[in-house]
Amino acid sequence: MSDALTEPDLTAGRPNTEKIKSRRRIAREFAVQGIYQWRVAGGSADFIEQQLRESDDFKHIDIKFFTQALHGAIQHSAALEQAIQPYLDRSLNELSPVEAAILLLSAYELIHHPEIPYRAIINEAIELARTYGGTDGHKYVNGVLDKLAIQLRSVEIEAHKQAKKQI
């Protein structure tokens, strides 16, 4: 028998209040990490993906979505940058690499995943920027994506406005 005191479990009987991340959210985190790595150090999407797959947490992600997002954002980066640039106050290269990676991923989703609601894409980007970006990076990301969504998803945005009016 040990003489050491043990701390009581203060969480016993309480529900876990910590948010459980969805497989898609974790996939976005990995995709942002991969896009960040690509922007900072270069390399192919295949090589970056292989490195990221070595993480213990990789087994918890939506692998298909991750692969599409990582490869798609890198493959279409020039077009994505061109779509984003009019809504920036400086070049994409002058942004924090984290915010730039989040914007590239989100622009890719807005353009290539019309089945994902624009509001979900923007909300996910804001959460990623809050977690990994600079102090007010989430505000900047939100402003840019709001403007980009108006250009890319005007029909969906108008339908959302009409639905809100009817409530």
C-alpha atoms as a PDB file:
ATOM      1  CA  MET A   1       0.000   0.000   0.000  1.00  0.00           C
ATOM      2  CA  SER A   2       1.306   3.437  -0.947  1.00  0.00           C
ATOM      3  CA  ASP A   3       1.449   6.391   1.420  1.00  0.00           C
ATOM      4  CA  ALA A   4       1.123   8.813  -1.519  1.00  0.00           C
ATOM      5  CA  LEU A   5      -2.039  10.887  -1.657  1.00  0.00           C
ATOM      6  CA  THR A   6      -4.032  10.716  -4.831  1.00  0.00           C
ATOM      7  CA  GLU A   7      -5.973  13.623  -6.218  1.00  0.00           C
ATOM      8  CA  PRO A   8      -9.722  13.114  -6.458  1.00  0.00           C
ATOM      9  CA  ASP A   9     -11.223  12.826  -9.933  1.00  0.00           C
ATOM     10  CA  LEU A  10     -13.189  16.080 -10.100  1.00  0.00           C
ATOM     11  CA  THR A  11     -14.659  15.182 -13.475  1.00  0.00           C
ATOM     12  CA  ALA A  12     -16.245  11.909 -12.382  1.00  0.00           C
ATOM     13  CA  GLY A  13     -19.922  11.846 -13.260  1.00  0.00           C
ATOM     14  CA  ARG A  14     -19.752  14.966 -15.404  1.00  0.00           C
ATOM     15  CA  PRO A  15     -20.243  14.993 -19.152  1.00  0.00           C
ATOM     16  CA  ASN A  16     -17.167  15.757 -21.195  1.00  0.00           C
ATOM     17  CA  THR A  17     -17.554  19.403 -22.206  1.00  0.00           C
ATOM     18  CA  GLU A  18     -14.546  19.441 -24.513  1.00  0.00           C
ATOM     19  CA  LYS A  19     -15.602  19.619 -28.148  1.00  0.00           C
ATOM     20  CA  ILE A  20     -14.916  16.490 -30.102  1.00  0.00           C
ATOM     21  CA  LYS A  21     -13.459  17.352 -33.480  1.00  0.00           C
ATOM     22  CA  SER A  22     -15.083  15.868 -36.542  1.00  0.00           C
ATOM     23  CA  ARG A  23     -13.093  13.775 -38.988  1.00  0.00           C
ATOM     24  CA  ARG A  24     -13.528  16.568 -41.539  1.00  0.00           C
ATOM     25  CA  ARG A  25     -12.192  19.207 -39.095  1.00  0.00           C
ATOM     26  CA  ILE A  26      -9.098  17.113 -38.409  1.00  0.00           C
ATOM     27  CA  ALA A  27      -8.659  16.606 -42.164  1.00  0.00           C
ATOM     28  CA  ARG A  28      -8.742  20.389 -42.621  1.00  0.00           C
ATOM     29  CA  GLU A  29      -6.117  20.802 -39.906  1.00  0.00           C
ATOM     30  CA  PHE A  30      -3.841  18.332 -41.670  1.00  0.00           C
ATOM     31  CA  ALA A  31      -4.516  19.980 -45.040  1.00  0.00           C
ATOM     32  CA  VAL A  32      -3.607  23.413 -43.646  1.00  0.00           C
ATOM     33  CA  GLN A  33      -0.443  21.911 -42.186  1.00  0.00           C
ATOM     34  CA  GLY A  34       0.440  20.403 -45.563  1.00  0.00           C
ATOM     35  CA  ILE A  35      -0.295  23.595 -47.514  1.00  0.00           C
ATOM     36  CA  TYR A  36       1.743  25.550 -44.976  1.00  0.00           C
ATOM     37  CA  GLN A  37       4.647  23.133 -45.422  1.00  0.00           C
ATOM     38  CA  TRP A  38       4.380  23.388 -49.204  1.00  0.00           C
ATOM     39  CA  ARG A  39       4.376  27.211 -49.123  1.00  0.00           C
ATOM     40  CA  VAL A  40       7.307  27.438 -46.691  1.00  0.00           C
ATOM     41  CA  ALA A  41       9.544  24.535 -47.731  1.00  0.00           C
ATOM     42  CA  GLY A  42       8.233  23.349 -51.092  1.00  0.00           C
ATOM     43  CA  GLY A  43       7.961  19.716 -52.068  1.00  0.00           C
ATOM     44  CA  SER A  44       5.330  17.692 -53.837  1.00  0.00           C
ATOM     45  CA  ALA A  45       1.827  17.097 -52.518  1.00  0.00           C
ATOM     46  CA  ASP A  46       2.535  13.350 -52.572  1.00  0.00           C
ATOM     47  CA  PHE A  47       5.658  13.740 -50.413  1.00  0.00           C
ATOM     48  CA  ILE A  48       3.901  16.060 -47.959  1.00  0.00           C
ATOM     49  CA  GLU A  49       0.917  13.734 -47.733  1.00  0.00           C
ATOM     50  CA  GLN A  50       3.205  10.789 -47.010  1.00  0.00           C
ATOM     51  CA  GLN A  51       4.881  12.716 -44.192  1.00  0.00           C
ATOM     52  CA  LEU A  52       1.552  13.735 -42.668  1.00  0.00           C
ATOM     53  CA  ARG A  53       0.262  10.156 -42.840  1.00  0.00           C
ATOM     54  CA  GLU A  54       2.978   9.187 -40.347  1.00  0.00           C
ATOM     55  CA  SER A  55       1.236  11.120 -37.571  1.00  0.00           C
ATOM     56  CA  ASP A  56      -0.647   9.086 -34.970  1.00  0.00           C
ATOM     57  CA  ASP A  57      -3.658  11.399 -35.324  1.00  0.00           C
ATOM     58  CA  PHE A  58      -3.935  10.762 -39.063  1.00  0.00           C
ATOM     59  CA  LYS A  59      -6.125   7.720 -38.447  1.00  0.00           C
ATOM     60  CA  HIS A  60      -8.864  10.045 -37.141  1.00  0.00           C
ATOM     61  CA  ILE A  61      -9.395  12.019 -40.343  1.00  0.00           C
ATOM     62  CA  ASP A  62     -11.607  11.960 -43.415  1.00  0.00           C
ATOM     63  CA  ILE A  63      -8.808  10.688 -45.646  1.00  0.00           C
ATOM     64  CA  LYS A  64     -10.617  11.182 -48.956  1.00  0.00           C
ATOM     65  CA  PHE A  65     -11.428  14.813 -48.145  1.00  0.00           C
ATOM     66  CA  PHE A  66      -7.896  15.472 -46.882  1.00  0.00           C
ATOM     67  CA  THR A  67      -6.292  14.063 -50.018  1.00  0.00           C
ATOM     68  CA  GLN A  68      -8.609  16.045 -52.317  1.00  0.00           C
ATOM     69  CA  ALA A  69      -8.092  19.246 -50.345  1.00  0.00           C
ATOM     70  CA  LEU A  70      -4.311  19.028 -50.053  1.00  0.00           C
ATOM     71  CA  HIS A  71      -3.678  18.003 -53.651  1.00  0.00           C
ATOM     72  CA  GLY A  72      -6.376  20.315 -55.016  1.00  0.00           C
ATOM     73  CA  ALA A  73      -5.185  23.412 -53.160  1.00  0.00           C
ATOM     74  CA  ILE A  74      -1.603  22.822 -54.268  1.00  0.00           C
ATOM     75  CA  GLN A  75      -2.509  21.891 -57.852  1.00  0.00           C
ATOM     76  CA  HIS A  76      -4.832  24.882 -58.286  1.00  0.00           C
ATOM     77  CA  SER A  77      -2.816  27.320 -56.160  1.00  0.00           C
ATOM     78  CA  ALA A  78      -2.224  29.835 -58.966  1.00  0.00           C
ATOM     79  CA  ALA A  79      -5.939  30.087 -59.786  1.00  0.00           C
ATOM     80  CA  LEU A  80      -6.849  30.171 -56.084  1.00  0.00           C
ATOM     81  CA  GLU A  81      -4.378  32.985 -55.433  1.00  0.00           C
ATOM     82  CA  GLN A  82      -5.828  34.877 -58.389  1.00  0.00           C
ATOM     83  CA  ALA A  83      -9.346  34.480 -56.950  1.00  0.00           C
ATOM     84  CA  ILE A  84      -8.273  35.572 -53.451  1.00  0.00           C
ATOM     85  CA  GLN A  85      -5.957  38.470 -54.363  1.00  0.00           C
ATOM     86  CA  PRO A  86      -8.646  41.122 -55.120  1.00  0.00           C
ATOM     87  CA  TYR A  87      -9.850  40.818 -51.507  1.00  0.00           C
ATOM     88  CA  LEU A  88      -6.426  41.179 -49.875  1.00  0.00           C
ATOM     89  CA  ASP A  89      -4.780  44.420 -48.778  1.00  0.00           C
ATOM     90  CA  ARG A  90      -1.362  43.002 -49.719  1.00  0.00           C
ATOM     91  CA  SER A  91      -0.028  40.047 -51.676  1.00  0.00           C
ATOM     92  CA  LEU A  92      -0.735  36.540 -50.440  1.00  0.00           C
ATOM     93  CA  ASN A  93       3.028  36.047 -49.959  1.00  0.00           C
ATOM     94  CA  GLU A  94       3.058  38.879 -47.416  1.00  0.00           C
ATOM     95  CA  LEU A  95       0.433  37.207 -45.225  1.00  0.00           C
ATOM     96  CA  SER A  96       1.288  34.871 -42.403  1.00  0.00           C
ATOM     97  CA  PRO A  97       1.911  31.437 -43.938  1.00  0.00           C
ATOM     98  CA  VAL A  98      -0.826  30.028 -41.688  1.00  0.00           C
ATOM     99  CA  GLU A  99      -3.484  32.502 -42.835  1.00  0.00           C
ATOM    100  CA  ALA A 100      -2.344  32.055 -46.458  1.00  0.00           C
ATOM    101  CA  ALA A 101      -2.717  28.270 -46.138  1.00  0.00           C
ATOM    102  CA  ILE A 102      -6.184  28.641 -44.594  1.00  0.00           C
ATOM    103  CA  LEU A 103      -7.272  31.004 -47.370  1.00  0.00           C
ATOM    104  CA  LEU A 104      -6.012  28.646 -50.081  1.00  0.00           C
ATOM    105  CA  LEU A 105      -7.800  25.682 -48.518  1.00  0.00           C
ATOM    106  CA  SER A 106     -11.036  27.635 -48.060  1.00  0.00           C
ATOM    107  CA  ALA A 107     -10.948  29.079 -51.576  1.00  0.00           C
ATOM    108  CA  TYR A 108     -10.417  25.557 -52.901  1.00  0.00           C
ATOM    109  CA  GLU A 109     -13.470  24.368 -50.959  1.00  0.00           C
ATOM    110  CA  LEU A 110     -15.628  27.303 -52.095  1.00  0.00           C
ATOM    111  CA  ILE A 111     -14.777  26.616 -55.739  1.00  0.00           C
ATOM    112  CA  HIS A 112     -14.500  22.828 -55.879  1.00  0.00           C
ATOM    113  CA  HIS A 113     -16.906  21.646 -53.179  1.00  0.00           C
ATOM    114  CA  PRO A 114     -20.292  23.270 -53.878  1.00  0.00           C
ATOM    115  CA  GLU A 115     -21.932  20.545 -51.766  1.00  0.00           C
ATOM    116  CA  ILE A 116     -20.360  22.105 -48.639  1.00  0.00           C
ATOM    117  CA  PRO A 117     -22.330  25.194 -47.525  1.00  0.00           C
ATOM    118  CA  TYR A 118     -20.314  28.392 -47.813  1.00  0.00           C
ATOM    119  CA  ARG A 119     -21.097  29.275 -44.200  1.00  0.00           C
ATOM    120  CA  ALA A 120     -19.596  25.977 -43.013  1.00  0.00           C
ATOM    121  CA  ILE A 121     -16.424  26.617 -45.018  1.00  0.00           C
ATOM    122  CA  ILE A 122     -16.048  30.120 -43.590  1.00  0.00           C
ATOM    123  CA  ASN A 123     -16.782  28.982 -40.029  1.00  0.00           C
ATOM    124  CA  GLU A 124     -14.211  26.196 -40.295  1.00  0.00           C
ATOM    125  CA  ALA A 125     -11.636  28.666 -41.649  1.00  0.00           C
ATOM    126  CA  ILE A 126     -12.300  31.049 -38.769  1.00  0.00           C
ATOM    127  CA  GLU A 127     -11.825  28.234 -36.238  1.00  0.00           C
ATOM    128  CA  LEU A 128      -8.582  27.155 -37.912  1.00  0.00           C
ATOM    129  CA  ALA A 129      -7.316  30.747 -37.854  1.00  0.00           C
ATOM    130  CA  ARG A 130      -8.294  31.152 -34.191  1.00  0.00           C
ATOM    131  CA  THR A 131      -6.455  27.972 -33.301  1.00  0.00           C
ATOM    132  CA  TYR A 132      -3.343  28.272 -35.455  1.00  0.00           C
ATOM    133  CA  GLY A 133      -3.166  31.828 -36.739  1.00  0.00           C
ATOM    134  CA  GLY A 134      -2.116  35.163 -35.327  1.00  0.00           C
ATOM    135  CA  THR A 135      -4.053  37.173 -32.772  1.00  0.00           C
ATOM    136  CA  ASP A 136      -6.545  38.742 -35.170  1.00  0.00           C
ATOM    137  CA  GLY A 137      -5.917  36.420 -38.103  1.00  0.00           C
ATOM    138  CA  HIS A 138      -9.412  34.974 -37.824  1.00  0.00           C
ATOM    139  CA  LYS A 139     -10.942  38.408 -38.436  1.00  0.00           C
ATOM    140  CA  TYR A 140      -8.838  38.914 -41.546  1.00  0.00           C
ATOM    141  CA  VAL A 141      -9.655  35.425 -42.869  1.00  0.00           C
ATOM    142  CA  ASN A 142     -13.357  36.027 -42.206  1.00  0.00           C
ATOM    143  CA  GLY A 143     -13.362  39.350 -44.085  1.00  0.00           C
ATOM    144  CA  VAL A 144     -11.556  37.935 -47.108  1.00  0.00           C
ATOM    145  CA  LEU A 145     -13.716  34.815 -47.317  1.00  0.00           C
ATOM    146  CA  ASP A 146     -16.965  36.757 -46.887  1.00  0.00           C
ATOM    147  CA  LYS A 147     -16.065  38.810 -49.974  1.00  0.00           C
ATOM    148  CA  LEU A 148     -14.823  35.796 -51.921  1.00  0.00           C
ATOM    149  CA  ALA A 149     -18.005  33.860 -51.125  1.00  0.00           C
ATOM    150  CA  ILE A 150     -20.137  36.704 -52.499  1.00  0.00           C
ATOM    151  CA  GLN A 151     -18.295  36.360 -55.797  1.00  0.00           C
ATOM    152  CA  LEU A 152     -18.261  32.557 -55.917  1.00  0.00           C
ATOM    153  CA  ARG A 153     -21.505  31.579 -54.184  1.00  0.00           C
ATOM    154  CA  SER A 154     -23.876  34.468 -54.903  1.00  0.00           C
ATOM    155  CA  VAL A 155     -26.832  32.168 -55.685  1.00  0.00           C
ATOM    156  CA  GLU A 156     -26.369  30.234 -52.439  1.00  0.00           C
ATOM    157  CA  ILE A 157     -25.964  33.449 -50.423  1.00  0.00           C
ATOM    158  CA  GLU A 158     -29.117  34.946 -51.937  1.00  0.00           C
ATOM    159  CA  ALA A 159     -31.065  31.763 -51.211  1.00  0.00           C
ATOM    160  CA  HIS A 160     -29.856  31.899 -47.609  1.00  0.00           C
ATOM    161  CA  LYS A 161     -30.989  35.537 -47.301  1.00  0.00           C
ATOM    162  CA  GLN A 162     -34.412  34.664 -48.715  1.00  0.00           C
ATOM    163  CA  ALA A 163     -34.778  31.752 -46.311  1.00  0.00           C
ATOM    164  CA  LYS A 164     -33.938  34.014 -43.366  1.00  0.00           C
ATOM    165  CA  LYS A 165     -36.584  36.535 -44.459  1.00  0.00           C
ATOM    166  CA  GLN A 166     -39.247  33.833 -44.391  1.00  0.00           C
ATOM    167  CA  ILE A 167     -38.488  32.908 -40.796  1.00  0.00           C
END
